[in-house]
Protein backbone atom coordinates (compact mmCIF):
# COMPACT_ATOMS: atom_id res chain seq x y z
CA MET A 1 -92.58 41.95 -11.67
CA LEU A 2 -89.13 40.58 -10.59
CA ASP A 3 -86.17 42.44 -12.09
CA ILE A 4 -83.87 39.45 -12.76
CA PRO A 5 -80.55 41.38 -13.31
CA ASN A 6 -81.07 43.39 -10.13
CA PHE A 7 -81.99 40.24 -8.25
CA ARG A 8 -78.76 38.58 -9.38
CA ASN A 9 -76.73 41.63 -8.36
CA MET A 10 -78.42 41.58 -4.97
CA LYS A 11 -77.54 37.90 -4.57
CA ARG A 12 -73.91 38.60 -5.45
CA LEU A 13 -73.83 41.43 -2.93
CA LEU A 14 -75.31 39.23 -0.23
CA LEU A 15 -72.57 36.68 -0.92
CA ILE A 16 -69.75 39.27 -1.03
CA ILE A 17 -70.65 41.12 2.20
CA PRO A 18 -70.14 38.13 4.56
CA LEU A 19 -66.90 37.25 2.76
CA ALA A 20 -65.60 40.81 3.13
CA LEU A 21 -66.57 40.82 6.81
CA GLN A 22 -64.84 37.47 7.28
CA LEU A 23 -61.65 38.71 5.62
CA GLY A 24 -61.76 41.91 7.65
CA CYS A 25 -62.22 39.98 10.89
CA GLY A 26 -59.34 37.71 9.88
CA SER A 27 -57.07 40.71 9.38
CA VAL A 28 -58.06 42.18 12.76
CA LYS A 29 -57.49 38.79 14.40
CA GLN A 30 -54.01 38.49 12.83
CA THR A 31 -53.11 42.00 14.04
CA LYS A 32 -54.31 41.23 17.57
CA THR A 33 -52.31 38.00 17.58
CA ALA A 34 -49.17 39.81 16.37
CA ASN A 35 -49.58 42.53 19.02
CA SER A 36 -50.17 39.90 21.69
CA GLN A 37 -46.96 38.05 20.74
CA LEU A 38 -45.03 41.33 20.63
CA LEU A 39 -46.07 42.22 24.17
CA LYS A 40 -45.56 38.65 25.38
CA ASP A 41 -41.95 38.66 24.15
CA VAL A 42 -41.23 41.88 26.07
CA GLU A 43 -42.95 40.54 29.19
CA VAL A 44 -41.07 37.24 29.13
CA LEU A 45 -37.64 38.75 28.41
CA SER A 46 -38.05 41.35 31.16
CA SER A 47 -39.25 38.88 33.81
CA ASP A 48 -37.16 38.06 36.88
CA GLU A 49 -36.42 34.59 35.49
CA TYR A 50 -33.93 36.14 33.07
CA GLU A 51 -32.04 37.93 35.86
CA GLY A 52 -31.56 41.18 33.95
CA ARG A 53 -29.86 39.48 30.97
CA LYS A 54 -26.33 40.58 31.87
CA SER A 55 -23.71 39.30 29.42
CA GLY A 56 -21.86 36.18 30.54
CA THR A 57 -24.46 35.14 33.13
CA LYS A 58 -27.04 32.38 33.50
CA GLY A 59 -29.69 34.99 32.67
CA SER A 60 -27.98 35.69 29.37
CA GLU A 61 -27.89 31.96 28.60
CA LEU A 62 -31.62 31.62 29.35
CA THR A 63 -32.32 34.64 27.15
CA ARG A 64 -30.49 33.06 24.21
CA ALA A 65 -32.44 29.83 24.69
CA TYR A 66 -35.72 31.74 24.52
CA LEU A 67 -34.64 33.79 21.50
CA THR A 68 -33.35 30.72 19.65
CA LYS A 69 -36.71 29.04 20.25
CA ARG A 70 -38.55 32.10 18.90
CA LEU A 71 -36.34 32.38 15.81
CA THR A 72 -36.91 28.68 15.11
CA GLU A 73 -40.69 29.09 15.54
CA ILE A 74 -40.67 32.03 13.11
CA GLY A 75 -38.68 29.94 10.64
CA VAL A 76 -35.79 32.30 9.94
CA GLU A 77 -32.52 30.55 9.22
CA ALA A 78 -29.02 31.01 10.55
CA HIS A 79 -26.79 32.70 8.01
CA PRO A 80 -24.90 30.07 5.94
CA ALA A 81 -21.58 31.78 6.68
CA LEU A 82 -22.09 31.03 10.38
CA GLY A 83 -23.92 27.71 10.09
CA LYS A 84 -25.78 28.43 13.34
CA TYR A 85 -27.48 31.37 15.03
CA GLU A 86 -24.59 31.99 17.42
CA GLN A 87 -21.67 34.27 16.59
CA ASN A 88 -19.07 34.00 19.35
CA PHE A 89 -16.71 36.78 20.39
CA GLU A 90 -14.71 37.91 23.40
CA ILE A 91 -16.10 40.49 25.83
CA LYS A 92 -13.13 42.39 27.18
CA GLY A 93 -13.47 43.88 30.64
CA ARG A 94 -10.93 45.82 32.67
CA ASN A 95 -9.39 42.71 34.20
CA SER A 96 -11.21 39.86 32.49
CA VAL A 97 -12.33 38.33 29.24
CA THR A 98 -15.68 36.54 29.00
CA LYS A 99 -17.59 34.89 26.17
CA GLY A 100 -20.06 37.01 24.21
CA ILE A 101 -22.64 35.60 21.83
CA ASN A 102 -24.59 37.42 19.12
CA LEU A 103 -27.60 35.71 17.56
CA VAL A 104 -27.72 36.19 13.78
CA SER A 105 -30.42 35.06 11.35
CA TYR A 106 -31.41 36.14 7.86
CA ILE A 107 -34.01 36.16 5.11
CA LYS A 108 -32.78 35.99 1.53
CA GLY A 109 -34.09 38.85 -0.56
CA LYS A 110 -34.45 39.32 -4.28
CA THR A 111 -31.02 41.03 -4.28
CA ASP A 112 -27.79 40.42 -2.39
CA ASP A 113 -27.79 43.95 -0.94
CA VAL A 114 -28.12 43.67 2.83
CA ILE A 115 -30.03 45.63 5.45
CA VAL A 116 -29.01 44.69 8.99
CA ILE A 117 -31.89 45.06 11.46
CA SER A 118 -30.51 45.02 14.98
CA ALA A 119 -31.27 45.24 18.69
CA HIS A 120 -29.23 44.30 21.76
CA TYR A 121 -30.62 41.64 24.07
CA ASP A 122 -28.33 42.20 27.06
CA HIS A 123 -29.02 44.44 30.05
CA ILE A 124 -27.26 45.18 33.34
CA GLY A 125 -28.28 42.21 35.49
CA VAL A 126 -28.74 42.11 39.26
CA ILE A 127 -27.46 44.99 41.41
CA ASN A 128 -27.70 44.94 45.23
CA ASN A 129 -30.09 41.98 45.01
CA GLU A 130 -32.45 43.88 42.72
CA VAL A 131 -33.16 42.59 39.22
CA TYR A 132 -32.79 45.26 36.54
CA ASN A 133 -35.20 43.78 34.01
CA GLY A 134 -34.66 46.20 31.12
CA ALA A 135 -38.16 46.03 29.62
CA ASP A 136 -37.62 49.16 27.55
CA ASP A 137 -33.83 48.73 27.46
CA ASN A 138 -33.92 46.63 25.39
CA ALA A 139 -36.48 43.85 25.49
CA SER A 140 -38.62 46.28 23.48
CA GLY A 141 -36.17 46.40 20.56
CA VAL A 142 -35.66 42.64 20.62
CA ALA A 143 -39.39 41.89 20.49
CA ALA A 144 -39.79 44.35 17.60
CA LEU A 145 -36.99 42.59 15.69
CA LEU A 146 -38.75 39.24 16.16
CA SER A 147 -42.00 40.70 14.82
CA PHE A 148 -40.19 42.04 11.73
CA ALA A 149 -38.56 38.66 11.17
CA LYS A 150 -42.01 37.04 11.17
CA TYR A 151 -43.46 39.69 8.85
CA PHE A 152 -40.72 39.33 6.24
CA LYS A 153 -40.59 35.56 6.53
CA GLU A 154 -44.14 35.62 5.17
CA ARG A 155 -43.39 38.30 2.53
CA GLN A 156 -40.02 38.05 0.78
CA PRO A 157 -38.18 41.39 0.91
CA ASN A 158 -36.41 43.01 -2.04
CA ASN A 159 -33.17 43.25 -0.06
CA THR A 160 -31.59 40.49 1.97
CA LEU A 161 -32.31 41.11 5.66
CA ILE A 162 -29.93 40.10 8.44
CA PHE A 163 -31.49 40.11 11.91
CA ALA A 164 -28.76 40.71 14.49
CA LEU A 165 -29.43 40.32 18.20
CA PHE A 166 -26.35 41.79 19.82
CA ASP A 167 -24.76 40.89 23.14
CA ALA A 168 -22.70 43.24 25.33
CA GLU A 169 -24.10 46.57 24.14
CA GLU A 170 -24.11 47.71 27.75
CA MET A 171 -20.36 47.00 27.88
CA GLY A 172 -19.43 49.34 25.04
CA LEU A 173 -21.24 48.04 21.94
CA GLN A 174 -18.94 45.02 21.95
CA GLY A 175 -21.35 42.64 20.18
CA ALA A 176 -21.98 45.09 17.34
CA LYS A 177 -18.27 45.84 17.03
CA ALA A 178 -17.52 42.10 16.83
CA PHE A 179 -20.19 41.75 14.12
CA VAL A 180 -18.77 44.46 11.85
CA ALA A 181 -15.23 43.15 12.47
CA ASN A 182 -16.29 39.66 11.29
CA PRO A 183 -19.52 40.07 9.30
CA PRO A 184 -21.23 37.04 7.74
CA VAL A 185 -21.22 38.89 4.39
CA ALA A 186 -18.67 41.23 2.80
CA LEU A 187 -18.95 44.57 4.60
CA GLU A 188 -19.56 46.43 1.33
CA LYS A 189 -22.74 44.35 0.86
CA ILE A 190 -24.26 45.95 3.97
CA LYS A 191 -26.02 49.04 2.68
CA LEU A 192 -27.89 50.08 5.83
CA ASN A 193 -28.28 49.37 9.53
CA ILE A 194 -31.64 49.85 11.24
CA ASN A 195 -31.14 49.69 14.99
CA MET A 196 -33.66 49.77 17.83
CA ASP A 197 -32.86 50.49 21.45
CA MET A 198 -35.57 51.64 23.89
CA ILE A 199 -38.74 52.10 21.83
CA SER A 200 -41.57 51.39 24.31
CA HIS A 201 -41.58 54.06 27.01
CA ASN A 202 -42.60 57.62 26.20
CA ASP A 203 -45.50 59.59 27.65
CA LYS A 204 -45.59 62.14 24.81
CA GLY A 205 -45.97 59.69 21.93
CA GLU A 206 -42.51 60.65 20.58
CA LEU A 207 -40.15 58.26 18.82
CA TYR A 208 -36.84 59.68 17.60
CA VAL A 209 -35.08 58.68 14.40
CA VAL A 210 -31.34 59.28 14.43
CA GLY A 211 -29.13 59.26 11.34
CA THR A 212 -30.60 61.69 8.84
CA PHE A 213 -28.24 64.50 9.87
CA LYS A 214 -25.36 62.52 8.38
CA TYR A 215 -27.52 60.82 5.73
CA PRO A 216 -30.23 63.33 4.69
CA GLN A 217 -31.01 61.07 1.72
CA LEU A 218 -32.94 58.86 4.13
CA LYS A 219 -35.34 61.59 5.27
CA ARG A 220 -37.92 60.88 2.59
CA PHE A 221 -38.32 57.30 3.83
CA VAL A 222 -38.99 58.31 7.44
CA THR A 223 -42.76 58.62 7.34
CA SER A 224 -45.62 57.31 9.43
CA THR A 225 -49.31 57.14 8.58
CA ASN A 226 -50.21 56.87 12.27
CA PRO A 227 -51.51 60.21 13.63
CA ASN A 228 -51.05 59.01 17.23
CA LEU A 229 -47.26 58.79 16.88
CA LYS A 230 -44.76 61.61 16.53
CA LEU A 231 -41.84 60.33 14.46
CA LEU A 232 -39.15 62.95 15.08
CA LEU A 233 -35.77 63.46 13.43
CA GLY A 234 -32.93 64.57 15.67
CA HIS A 235 -30.38 63.79 18.37
CA ASP A 236 -27.74 63.32 15.66
CA ASP A 237 -26.01 66.70 15.27
CA PRO A 238 -22.40 66.50 16.58
CA LYS A 239 -22.83 70.00 18.05
CA LEU A 240 -25.29 68.53 20.59
CA GLY A 241 -22.51 66.84 22.55
CA HIS A 242 -23.99 64.17 24.86
CA ASP A 243 -27.40 64.67 23.22
CA ASP A 244 -25.94 63.40 19.95
CA TRP A 245 -26.95 59.72 19.99
CA THR A 246 -25.07 58.80 16.80
CA ASN A 247 -22.67 56.46 18.59
CA GLN A 248 -24.63 55.76 21.78
CA SER A 249 -26.07 52.42 20.72
CA ASP A 250 -25.12 49.60 18.35
CA GLN A 251 -25.51 51.73 15.21
CA GLY A 252 -22.26 53.38 16.34
CA ALA A 253 -20.31 50.29 15.25
CA PHE A 254 -21.80 50.58 11.75
CA ASN A 255 -21.23 54.32 11.67
CA ALA A 256 -17.54 53.71 12.43
CA LYS A 257 -17.41 51.70 9.18
CA ASN A 258 -19.27 54.46 7.26
CA ILE A 259 -22.34 52.27 6.83
CA PRO A 260 -25.52 54.41 6.71
CA PHE A 261 -27.89 53.87 9.64
CA LEU A 262 -31.20 54.78 11.20
CA TYR A 263 -31.57 54.40 14.94
CA PHE A 264 -34.99 54.40 16.61
CA GLY A 265 -35.29 55.26 20.30
CA VAL A 266 -36.96 57.36 22.96
CA GLU A 267 -35.43 59.98 25.20
CA ASP A 268 -34.24 58.86 28.64
CA HIS A 269 -37.07 58.41 31.16
CA LYS A 270 -37.34 58.00 34.93
CA ASP A 271 -36.90 54.21 34.70
CA TYR A 272 -33.81 54.25 32.47
CA HIS A 273 -31.16 51.91 33.94
CA LYS A 274 -33.25 51.47 37.09
CA ALA A 275 -34.93 48.42 38.61
CA THR A 276 -38.27 50.05 37.69
CA ASP A 277 -37.70 49.45 33.95
CA GLU A 278 -40.33 46.71 34.06
CA PHE A 279 -43.01 45.49 31.70
CA LYS A 280 -45.78 47.14 33.73
CA ASN A 281 -44.16 50.56 33.16
CA ILE A 282 -43.90 50.55 29.36
CA ASN A 283 -46.54 52.40 27.30
CA GLN A 284 -48.16 49.47 25.50
CA ALA A 285 -50.25 51.45 22.98
CA PHE A 286 -47.29 53.71 22.17
CA TYR A 287 -45.03 50.68 21.79
CA ILE A 288 -47.34 48.93 19.33
CA ASP A 289 -47.59 52.17 17.33
CA ALA A 290 -43.79 52.59 17.40
CA VAL A 291 -43.19 49.07 16.07
CA LYS A 292 -45.68 49.62 13.26
CA ALA A 293 -44.02 52.93 12.36
CA ILE A 294 -40.55 51.36 12.23
CA GLN A 295 -41.88 48.56 10.04
CA GLU A 296 -43.39 51.20 7.74
CA VAL A 297 -39.99 52.89 7.39
CA ILE A 298 -38.30 49.55 6.67
CA LEU A 299 -40.88 48.85 3.97
CA ASN A 300 -40.38 52.32 2.47
CA ILE A 301 -36.67 51.62 2.14
CA ASP A 302 -37.02 48.01 1.02
CA THR A 303 -39.07 49.09 -2.00
CA GLN A 304 -35.81 50.51 -3.38
CA LYS A 305 -34.27 47.88 -5.63
CA ASP A 306 -30.89 49.60 -5.37
CA ILE A 307 -30.37 51.15 -1.94
CA GLN A 308 -26.92 52.41 -2.85
CA ALA A 309 -28.51 54.52 -5.59
CA ILE A 310 -30.11 56.65 -2.85
CA PHE A 311 -26.66 57.84 -1.83
CA ARG A 312 -25.15 57.93 -5.33
CA GLU A 313 -27.81 60.37 -6.52
CA THR A 314 -26.90 62.84 -3.77
CA LEU A 315 -23.18 62.53 -4.43
CA LYS A 316 -23.82 63.19 -8.12
CA MET A 317 -25.84 66.31 -7.29
CA LYS A 318 -23.07 67.61 -5.00
CA LYS A 319 -20.47 67.19 -7.73
CA GLN A 320 -22.62 69.14 -10.17
């Protein structure tokens, strides 16, 4: 005898299983597409066509054209205070002044508190007829920033996010310094800087997070659910001397203004500032894991409706 209720349940199950498989396959497909675009951006930016992306060169101009195209494709807007992606400034050398250009876009959040997510797009150019492509330094950080812009464009963040692609980092953090000197929002609105510089090349699966020595309140947000990645705190104690990275990339400009920061990067490797820093030498699986881990940390922080409260709570405890 046919058990009608069980038969109906079986029918429902038979309908649900293909749908679940379809949704699961869709999610896997989206992830593969995102990873493919991430790697493509690094590969393109670190190709010979871009001539090592040195500030003030044709390679730098080509890089900006590519990045502007990508930002437009993603659909992130220029900040209204600038009216366009480009923020112009002067790059001061020993005996010259050239034009520097940051690229700045944003996504309006549910609050006016701002997190600046940054990476420098310049590198050191052509030396002795060899192109220094800078795949890890810092096409890797730039591509990660683009992937975060796409992610948050599709999912409105709690906090307003400014995506800053800095020029002239290799010439003394000049793009970042120009940004904090003339920010598109009041400086006190910027509650945090998350900076990325060299995040794709490490043979030990180690990604460092700098900034929690000065801002221990941020430690609880630095977590990763990926067992293949070691997310390590460190390189931010002033006693370490040269091994203190606090001011060794663009987060240093924010630190000078007492803006809390987290900087993600790997330790120096054999290809650092060499012509061998090419796409073929990055660790692709590690890089994808690193980008996911950074995004996880950003999401952990963005769930806070009042970022400033993180720091106020600690100050209150100290006073007590």
